[in-house]
Structures are given as structure tokens and as C-alpha cells.
C-alpha atoms as a PDB file:
ATOM      1  CA  UNK A   1       0.000   0.000   0.000  1.00  0.00           C
ATOM      2  CA  UNK A   2       1.316   3.426  -0.897  1.00  0.00           C
ATOM      3  CA  UNK A   3       2.001   5.928   1.843  1.00  0.00           C
ATOM      4  CA  UNK A   4      -0.124   9.081   1.710  1.00  0.00           C
ATOM      5  CA  UNK A   5       2.549  11.783   1.979  1.00  0.00           C
ATOM      6  CA  UNK A   6       0.002  14.449   2.981  1.00  0.00           C
ATOM      7  CA  UNK A   7      -1.228  12.292   5.858  1.00  0.00           C
ATOM      8  CA  UNK A   8       2.347  11.541   6.928  1.00  0.00           C
ATOM      9  CA  UNK A   9       3.197  15.252   6.884  1.00  0.00           C
ATOM     10  CA  UNK A  10       0.115  16.103   8.974  1.00  0.00           C
ATOM     11  CA  UNK A  11       1.115  13.445  11.515  1.00  0.00           C
ATOM     12  CA  UNK A  12       4.630  14.869  11.755  1.00  0.00           C
ATOM     13  CA  UNK A  13       3.612  18.511  11.988  1.00  0.00           C
ATOM     14  CA  UNK A  14       0.610  18.178  14.274  1.00  0.00           C
ATOM     15  CA  UNK A  15       0.216  14.728  15.883  1.00  0.00           C
ATOM     16  CA  UNK A  16      -2.284  16.079  18.420  1.00  0.00           C
ATOM     17  CA  UNK A  17      -4.792  16.982  15.705  1.00  0.00           C
ATOM     18  CA  UNK A  18      -4.766  13.674  13.790  1.00  0.00           C
ATOM     19  CA  UNK A  19      -8.118  11.884  13.781  1.00  0.00           C
ATOM     20  CA  UNK A  20      -8.048   8.310  15.070  1.00  0.00           C
ATOM     21  CA  UNK A  21      -9.087   6.867  11.699  1.00  0.00           C
ATOM     22  CA  UNK A  22      -6.298   8.803   9.991  1.00  0.00           C
ATOM     23  CA  UNK A  23      -3.804   7.387  12.498  1.00  0.00           C
ATOM     24  CA  UNK A  24      -5.098   3.858  11.878  1.00  0.00           C
ATOM     25  CA  UNK A  25      -4.894   4.379   8.103  1.00  0.00           C
ATOM     26  CA  UNK A  26      -1.344   5.694   8.407  1.00  0.00           C
ATOM     27  CA  UNK A  27      -0.322   2.704  10.525  1.00  0.00           C
ATOM     28  CA  UNK A  28      -1.719   0.329   7.892  1.00  0.00           C
ATOM     29  CA  UNK A  29       0.015   2.240   5.093  1.00  0.00           C
ATOM     30  CA  UNK A  30       3.311   1.896   6.978  1.00  0.00           C
ATOM     31  CA  UNK A  31       2.840  -1.879   7.106  1.00  0.00           C
ATOM     32  CA  UNK A  32       1.476  -2.322  10.616  1.00  0.00           C
ATOM     33  CA  UNK A  33      -1.169  -5.021  11.017  1.00  0.00           C
ATOM     34  CA  UNK A  34      -4.012  -4.709  13.497  1.00  0.00           C
ATOM     35  CA  UNK A  35      -3.934  -7.823  15.653  1.00  0.00           C
ATOM     36  CA  UNK A  36      -6.705  -7.063  18.120  1.00  0.00           C
ATOM     37  CA  UNK A  37      -8.991  -4.438  19.555  1.00  0.00           C
ATOM     38  CA  UNK A  38     -10.070  -4.224  23.138  1.00  0.00           C
ATOM     39  CA  UNK A  39     -12.437  -1.367  23.834  1.00  0.00           C
ATOM     40  CA  UNK A  40     -10.902   1.763  22.356  1.00  0.00           C
ATOM     41  CA  UNK A  41      -7.396   0.257  22.211  1.00  0.00           C
ATOM     42  CA  UNK A  42      -6.318  -0.897  18.759  1.00  0.00           C
ATOM     43  CA  UNK A  43      -3.160  -2.991  18.907  1.00  0.00           C
ATOM     44  CA  UNK A  44      -0.780  -3.237  15.944  1.00  0.00           C
ATOM     45  CA  UNK A  45       2.318  -5.284  15.148  1.00  0.00           C
ATOM     46  CA  UNK A  46       4.730  -4.934  12.261  1.00  0.00           C
ATOM     47  CA  UNK A  47       5.910  -8.081  10.424  1.00  0.00           C
ATOM     48  CA  UNK A  48       9.565  -7.066  10.812  1.00  0.00           C
ATOM     49  CA  UNK A  49       9.074  -5.440  14.199  1.00  0.00           C
ATOM     50  CA  UNK A  50      11.045  -8.066  16.105  1.00  0.00           C
ATOM     51  CA  UNK A  51      14.161  -5.946  15.947  1.00  0.00           C
ATOM     52  CA  UNK A  52      12.348  -3.145  17.775  1.00  0.00           C
ATOM     53  CA  UNK A  53      11.963  -5.138  20.991  1.00  0.00           C
ATOM     54  CA  UNK A  54      14.808  -3.351  22.768  1.00  0.00           C
ATOM     55  CA  UNK A  55      13.508   0.149  21.937  1.00  0.00           C
ATOM     56  CA  UNK A  56       9.783  -0.614  22.009  1.00  0.00           C
ATOM     57  CA  UNK A  57       9.046  -3.655  24.177  1.00  0.00           C
ATOM     58  CA  UNK A  58       5.286  -3.249  23.751  1.00  0.00           C
ATOM     59  CA  UNK A  59       3.257  -3.343  20.537  1.00  0.00           C
ATOM     60  CA  UNK A  60       1.853  -0.187  18.976  1.00  0.00           C
ATOM     61  CA  UNK A  61      -1.342   0.930  20.668  1.00  0.00           C
ATOM     62  CA  UNK A  62      -3.607   3.528  19.050  1.00  0.00           C
ATOM     63  CA  UNK A  63      -6.411   4.925  21.123  1.00  0.00           C
ATOM     64  CA  UNK A  64      -9.029   7.597  20.658  1.00  0.00           C
ATOM     65  CA  UNK A  65      -8.863  10.544  23.020  1.00  0.00           C
ATOM     66  CA  UNK A  66     -11.844  12.406  24.402  1.00  0.00           C
ATOM     67  CA  UNK A  67     -11.930  14.768  21.436  1.00  0.00           C
ATOM     68  CA  UNK A  68     -12.089  12.006  18.798  1.00  0.00           C
ATOM     69  CA  UNK A  69      -8.449  12.475  17.892  1.00  0.00           C
ATOM     70  CA  UNK A  70      -5.637   9.973  18.276  1.00  0.00           C
ATOM     71  CA  UNK A  71      -3.444  10.486  21.310  1.00  0.00           C
ATOM     72  CA  UNK A  72      -0.432  12.553  20.274  1.00  0.00           C
ATOM     73  CA  UNK A  73       2.166  10.446  22.091  1.00  0.00           C
ATOM     74  CA  UNK A  74       0.892   7.328  20.309  1.00  0.00           C
ATOM     75  CA  UNK A  75       1.123   9.006  16.894  1.00  0.00           C
ATOM     76  CA  UNK A  76       4.686  10.061  17.758  1.00  0.00           C
ATOM     77  CA  UNK A  77       5.460   6.483  18.781  1.00  0.00           C
ATOM     78  CA  UNK A  78       4.091   5.228  15.442  1.00  0.00           C
ATOM     79  CA  UNK A  79       6.389   7.619  13.583  1.00  0.00           C
ATOM     80  CA  UNK A  80       9.401   6.662  15.732  1.00  0.00           C
ATOM     81  CA  UNK A  81       8.800   2.964  15.147  1.00  0.00           C
ATOM     82  CA  UNK A  82       8.481   3.493  11.391  1.00  0.00           C
ATOM     83  CA  UNK A  83      11.742   5.488  11.340  1.00  0.00           C
ATOM     84  CA  UNK A  84      13.614   2.804  13.291  1.00  0.00           C
ATOM     85  CA  UNK A  85      12.315   0.164  10.878  1.00  0.00           C
ATOM     86  CA  UNK A  86      13.546   2.273   7.951  1.00  0.00           C
ATOM     87  CA  UNK A  87      10.090   2.670   6.433  1.00  0.00           C
ATOM     88  CA  UNK A  88      10.207   6.463   6.496  1.00  0.00           C
ATOM     89  CA  UNK A  89      13.246   8.755   6.597  1.00  0.00           C
END
């Protein structure tokens, strides 16, 4: 799946204003696979994410905040994980 550069730029510039569905779409575009959902927590793994265990011991969790937006620290974590995997520069 191609990465939407506009969506990626919005996530980098303003992670606190990214809608939860946009964050989920970005995660999928970056190759993350949703493995389960429990309540508002959507849990993602990456197929080559095993080498991230030392930096990120837990899987990626995306959760909707009170305002309907994704939590900013989780969007930042998504971007950090993608950079460490070499998916985005």
C-alpha cells in the first residue's frame, strides 16, 4: 500500500490533531497489522518489528482521546517505530 505523503506530513507537523481513523490508516500504510482491539485500544504489530523489541518492548497501541483524535504520544510512537524500521526517513 502506498504511503499518503500528505497524511504523513500532517502526523509529523501536528500529531495532536490527527483523527483516530487517519492514524489507523497511516499505521496500515506503513505496514502495521491490526492484531486485536479491546475497547478503544487498537493494537498493531509490524511483520519485521522483532528488531524493535529493545527500543519498544510493547506493541503499537492507538487509542481515541476524548476529542475524537488519536493520542499525540501514540502518533509520535508510530512515527518513531516506522523510522527505526527504515520505512520512512
